[in-house]
PDB file of N, CA and C in Angstrom:
ATOM      1  N   MET A   1      19.356 106.832 119.337  1.00  0.00           N
ATOM      2  CA  MET A   1      19.427 105.996 118.167  1.00  0.00           C
ATOM      3  C   MET A   1      20.522 106.555 117.253  1.00  0.00           C
ATOM      4  N   PRO A   2      21.466 105.741 116.823  1.00  0.00           N
ATOM      5  CA  PRO A   2      22.530 106.206 115.930  1.00  0.00           C
ATOM      6  C   PRO A   2      21.975 106.603 114.561  1.00  0.00           C
ATOM      7  N   LEU A   3      22.593 107.575 113.968  1.00  0.00           N
ATOM      8  CA  LEU A   3      22.188 108.076 112.665  1.00  0.00           C
ATOM      9  C   LEU A   3      23.424 108.219 111.800  1.00  0.00           C
ATOM     10  N   SER A   4      23.388 107.641 110.615  1.00  0.00           N
ATOM     11  CA  SER A   4      24.530 107.688 109.705  1.00  0.00           C
ATOM     12  C   SER A   4      24.170 108.502 108.469  1.00  0.00           C
ATOM     13  N   PHE A   5      25.021 109.449 108.133  1.00  0.00           N
ATOM     14  CA  PHE A   5      24.889 110.224 106.903  1.00  0.00           C
ATOM     15  C   PHE A   5      25.983 109.769 105.954  1.00  0.00           C
ATOM     16  N   SER A   6      25.678 109.704 104.673  1.00  0.00           N
ATOM     17  CA  SER A   6      26.702 109.275 103.725  1.00  0.00           C
ATOM     18  C   SER A   6      26.775 110.212 102.538  1.00  0.00           C
ATOM     19  N   SER A   7      27.935 110.195 101.933  1.00  0.00           N
ATOM     20  CA  SER A   7      28.199 111.044 100.784  1.00  0.00           C
ATOM     21  C   SER A   7      29.427 110.508 100.071  1.00  0.00           C
ATOM     22  N   ARG A   8      29.570 110.888  98.816  1.00  0.00           N
ATOM     23  CA  ARG A   8      30.831 110.590  98.128  1.00  0.00           C
ATOM     24  C   ARG A   8      31.978 111.327  98.800  1.00  0.00           C
ATOM     25  N   ASN A   9      31.638 112.421  99.474  1.00  0.00           N
ATOM     26  CA  ASN A   9      32.619 113.254 100.174  1.00  0.00           C
ATOM     27  C   ASN A   9      32.149 113.464 101.615  1.00  0.00           C
ATOM     28  N   PRO A  10      32.310 112.455 102.478  1.00  0.00           N
ATOM     29  CA  PRO A  10      31.765 112.549 103.834  1.00  0.00           C
ATOM     30  C   PRO A  10      32.340 113.692 104.660  1.00  0.00           C
ATOM     31  N   GLU A  11      33.519 114.177 104.321  1.00  0.00           N
ATOM     32  CA  GLU A  11      34.093 115.306 105.060  1.00  0.00           C
ATOM     33  C   GLU A  11      33.239 116.563 104.915  1.00  0.00           C
ATOM     34  N   LYS A  12      32.431 116.640 103.880  1.00  0.00           N
ATOM     35  CA  LYS A  12      31.542 117.792 103.686  1.00  0.00           C
ATOM     36  C   LYS A  12      30.333 117.758 104.626  1.00  0.00           C
ATOM     37  N   LEU A  13      30.150 116.666 105.342  1.00  0.00           N
ATOM     38  CA  LEU A  13      29.002 116.515 106.233  1.00  0.00           C
ATOM     39  C   LEU A  13      29.317 116.866 107.679  1.00  0.00           C
ATOM     40  N   SER A  14      30.491 117.372 107.952  1.00  0.00           N
ATOM     41  CA  SER A  14      30.903 117.606 109.340  1.00  0.00           C
ATOM     42  C   SER A  14      29.984 118.587 110.068  1.00  0.00           C
ATOM     43  N   ALA A  15      29.521 119.635 109.405  1.00  0.00           N
ATOM     44  CA  ALA A  15      28.624 120.596 110.056  1.00  0.00           C
ATOM     45  C   ALA A  15      27.278 119.943 110.385  1.00  0.00           C
ATOM     46  N   LEU A  16      26.778 119.131 109.483  1.00  0.00           N
ATOM     47  CA  LEU A  16      25.512 118.430 109.716  1.00  0.00           C
ATOM     48  C   LEU A  16      25.643 117.458 110.883  1.00  0.00           C
ATOM     49  N   VAL A  17      26.715 116.689 110.904  1.00  0.00           N
ATOM     50  CA  VAL A  17      26.943 115.734 111.988  1.00  0.00           C
ATOM     51  C   VAL A  17      27.056 116.464 113.322  1.00  0.00           C
ATOM     52  N   ALA A  18      27.768 117.570 113.343  1.00  0.00           N
ATOM     53  CA  ALA A  18      27.915 118.350 114.577  1.00  0.00           C
ATOM     54  C   ALA A  18      26.567 118.893 115.048  1.00  0.00           C
ATOM     55  N   ALA A  19      25.723 119.323 114.110  1.00  0.00           N
ATOM     56  CA  ALA A  19      24.416 119.872 114.469  1.00  0.00           C
ATOM     57  C   ALA A  19      23.482 118.797 115.028  1.00  0.00           C
ATOM     58  N   VAL A  20      23.582 117.588 114.517  1.00  0.00           N
ATOM     59  CA  VAL A  20      22.712 116.504 114.973  1.00  0.00           C
ATOM     60  C   VAL A  20      23.130 116.011 116.353  1.00  0.00           C
ATOM     61  N   GLY A  21      24.420 115.952 116.588  1.00  0.00           N
ATOM     62  CA  GLY A  21      24.891 115.556 117.916  1.00  0.00           C
ATOM     63  C   GLY A  21      25.702 114.279 117.929  1.00  0.00           C
ATOM     64  N   SER A  22      25.923 113.787 119.134  1.00  0.00           N
ATOM     65  CA  SER A  22      26.858 112.682 119.334  1.00  0.00           C
ATOM     66  C   SER A  22      26.399 111.344 118.758  1.00  0.00           C
ATOM     67  N   ASN A  23      25.138 111.208 118.412  1.00  0.00           N
ATOM     68  CA  ASN A  23      24.659 109.953 117.822  1.00  0.00           C
ATOM     69  C   ASN A  23      24.817 109.906 116.311  1.00  0.00           C
ATOM     70  N   ALA A  24      25.344 110.949 115.708  1.00  0.00           N
ATOM     71  CA  ALA A  24      25.475 111.007 114.257  1.00  0.00           C
ATOM     72  C   ALA A  24      26.909 110.725 113.829  1.00  0.00           C
ATOM     73  N   ILE A  25      27.028 110.056 112.688  1.00  0.00           N
ATOM     74  CA  ILE A  25      28.328 109.819 112.074  1.00  0.00           C
ATOM     75  C   ILE A  25      28.213 110.084 110.582  1.00  0.00           C
ATOM     76  N   ALA A  26      29.339 110.336 109.946  1.00  0.00           N
ATOM     77  CA  ALA A  26      29.384 110.517 108.500  1.00  0.00           C
ATOM     78  C   ALA A  26      30.350 109.502 107.922  1.00  0.00           C
ATOM     79  N   GLY A  27      30.035 109.017 106.746  1.00  0.00           N
ATOM     80  CA  GLY A  27      30.911 108.058 106.094  1.00  0.00           C
ATOM     81  C   GLY A  27      30.614 107.978 104.616  1.00  0.00           C
ATOM     82  N   THR A  28      31.274 107.053 103.978  1.00  0.00           N
ATOM     83  CA  THR A  28      31.041 106.839 102.557  1.00  0.00           C
ATOM     84  C   THR A  28      29.720 106.101 102.364  1.00  0.00           C
ATOM     85  N   ILE A  29      29.277 106.025 101.141  1.00  0.00           N
ATOM     86  CA  ILE A  29      28.041 105.304 100.836  1.00  0.00           C
ATOM     87  C   ILE A  29      28.198 103.828 101.199  1.00  0.00           C
ATOM     88  N   ALA A  30      29.354 103.250 100.913  1.00  0.00           N
ATOM     89  CA  ALA A  30      29.603 101.846 101.262  1.00  0.00           C
ATOM     90  C   ALA A  30      29.537 101.635 102.769  1.00  0.00           C
ATOM     91  N   GLU A  31      30.083 102.558 103.534  1.00  0.00           N
ATOM     92  CA  GLU A  31      30.032 102.449 104.994  1.00  0.00           C
ATOM     93  C   GLU A  31      28.597 102.546 105.500  1.00  0.00           C
ATOM     94  N   ALA A  32      27.806 103.411 104.894  1.00  0.00           N
ATOM     95  CA  ALA A  32      26.411 103.573 105.327  1.00  0.00           C
ATOM     96  C   ALA A  32      25.591 102.319 105.055  1.00  0.00           C
ATOM     97  N   THR A  33      25.832 101.654 103.939  1.00  0.00           N
ATOM     98  CA  THR A  33      25.057 100.449 103.635  1.00  0.00           C
ATOM     99  C   THR A  33      25.397  99.304 104.574  1.00  0.00           C
ATOM    100  N   SER A  34      26.587  99.313 105.143  1.00  0.00           N
ATOM    101  CA  SER A  34      26.932  98.268 106.109  1.00  0.00           C
ATOM    102  C   SER A  34      26.506  98.648 107.528  1.00  0.00           C
ATOM    103  N   PHE A  35      26.071  99.889 107.718  1.00  0.00           N
ATOM    104  CA  PHE A  35      25.670 100.395 109.028  1.00  0.00           C
ATOM    105  C   PHE A  35      24.339  99.804 109.475  1.00  0.00           C
ATOM    106  N   THR A  36      23.433  99.579 108.535  1.00  0.00           N
ATOM    107  CA  THR A  36      22.087  99.110 108.859  1.00  0.00           C
ATOM    108  C   THR A  36      21.483  98.404 107.656  1.00  0.00           C
ATOM    109  N   ASP A  37      20.348  97.775 107.852  1.00  0.00           N
ATOM    110  CA  ASP A  37      19.663  97.146 106.728  1.00  0.00           C
ATOM    111  C   ASP A  37      18.526  98.015 106.192  1.00  0.00           C
ATOM    112  N   LYS A  38      18.333  99.200 106.767  1.00  0.00           N
ATOM    113  CA  LYS A  38      17.308 100.141 106.302  1.00  0.00           C
ATOM    114  C   LYS A  38      17.954 101.498 106.090  1.00  0.00           C
ATOM    115  N   PHE A  39      17.651 102.132 104.966  1.00  0.00           N
ATOM    116  CA  PHE A  39      18.207 103.452 104.730  1.00  0.00           C
ATOM    117  C   PHE A  39      17.352 104.236 103.751  1.00  0.00           C
ATOM    118  N   TRP A  40      17.500 105.542 103.795  1.00  0.00           N
ATOM    119  CA  TRP A  40      16.813 106.472 102.901  1.00  0.00           C
ATOM    120  C   TRP A  40      17.813 106.958 101.871  1.00  0.00           C
ATOM    121  N   ILE A  41      17.359 107.153 100.670  1.00  0.00           N
ATOM    122  CA  ILE A  41      18.197 107.760  99.642  1.00  0.00           C
ATOM    123  C   ILE A  41      17.591 109.122  99.338  1.00  0.00           C
ATOM    124  N   ILE A  42      18.356 110.157  99.604  1.00  0.00           N
ATOM    125  CA  ILE A  42      17.905 111.526  99.361  1.00  0.00           C
ATOM    126  C   ILE A  42      18.941 112.187  98.472  1.00  0.00           C
ATOM    127  N   SER A  43      18.486 112.741  97.386  1.00  0.00           N
ATOM    128  CA  SER A  43      19.402 113.336  96.420  1.00  0.00           C
ATOM    129  C   SER A  43      19.062 114.802  96.225  1.00  0.00           C
ATOM    130  N   GLN A  44      20.078 115.602  96.120  1.00  0.00           N
ATOM    131  CA  GLN A  44      19.894 117.025  95.850  1.00  0.00           C
ATOM    132  C   GLN A  44      20.278 117.272  94.401  1.00  0.00           C
ATOM    133  N   SER A  45      19.337 117.811  93.638  1.00  0.00           N
ATOM    134  CA  SER A  45      19.668 118.113  92.249  1.00  0.00           C
ATOM    135  C   SER A  45      20.490 119.390  92.196  1.00  0.00           C
ATOM    136  N   GLN A  46      21.427 119.402  91.317  1.00  0.00           N
ATOM    137  CA  GLN A  46      22.275 120.576  91.157  1.00  0.00           C
ATOM    138  C   GLN A  46      21.976 121.195  89.804  1.00  0.00           C
ATOM    139  N   THR A  47      21.425 122.403  89.850  1.00  0.00           N
ATOM    140  CA  THR A  47      21.063 123.068  88.598  1.00  0.00           C
ATOM    141  C   THR A  47      21.949 124.248  88.342  1.00  0.00           C
TER     142      THR A  47
END
């Protein structure tokens, strides 16, 4: 099953994509919303 990760800076997700494997891709938030009709929003707070 394909898995899309998104970020304002998708290049920062390269290690995560590599760890997940060949079914993972990284892109912008706009690209992720066009990838599927279901998605999770997960935010990391920066303190």
